[in-house]
């Protein structure tokens, strides 16, 4: 069984507002763990506490209360040892644009005291498809190439734990999928934050929802869906185009949460799968050309949990 490589114990962070006799609780008793080799998604709206938690885990911030272990190293008692276990990527903000890609990677190896040689840098760049761009100035790179270089830097530092903050932000679908594939092959323990639910669904083994400084749900994607959300969305297409009359009639069914007109038909939300047979009997009164059950995705669940 994989060991717990990151553990938090009642992590709390309270910020006192300057000039005011008030405070804000950014994190409130965060208890969670991440297993070795796991890709762990931390999801939440802006201001939920994601960045504060990451800053504490990489020892940039001290918690008001509680502590964490990073590969067995206490972030309070042994901050330098704990920090030496992790590598952080904050999209492409940690790059220097007026030097070459090679010089960026060489520089970061030096400041992180990582042994390197030209072959090691070349191989890391090749993994991300940048081997032919090493001698080019970063200011001439596209957004996707800068993101790849940021990932390459994070990977080259060669720590067992990676913190990736929005690694696909602003990228087109092709580049996003390419970076997702590269991240999958890294074989590291990864804590990932992202607002892109498609990326989270493709990458993450475990997902935690955080809001207002508290963890409100943790589990695998499938477990969370099964446990939290019994609602079923069904897209209906009718031969009859009189959707207004159909929608009015369906709204009287108390086991339907929502009934909405779409471009191609009607979208309904069934409270629970146990009502499916009852609903099908009602639908037998109509001329239906298509019934399509829509799979719940994490975005639906994310919105519902944060209402």
Foldseek 3Di string as FASTA:
>chain_A
DFDFQKWWFQFWAKADDPPDRDIATQAGGDTDTFGWLFEEEEEEDPSLNPVVVVCVQLLVDPTPDTWMHHRNRICVPHVVVSNLQEFEFDQLPQADQAAFLLVRLVVLCVVLVHDDDPVLLLVLCVLLPCNVRRRPGNVPDDSLVSLSSSVSSRLSSPHQEYEYEASCPPHDPVSLVSVLVSVQPSSHHYYYYHPPQVSCLSHGQKYWYTGSNYTDDIDGFVVCCVPPAQKWKKFWAAPDPVQVVVQVVVVVDPQWPDWAADPGGIIIIGRHPVCVVVVVVVCVVGGTDDMDIDDDTVVVVNVVVVD
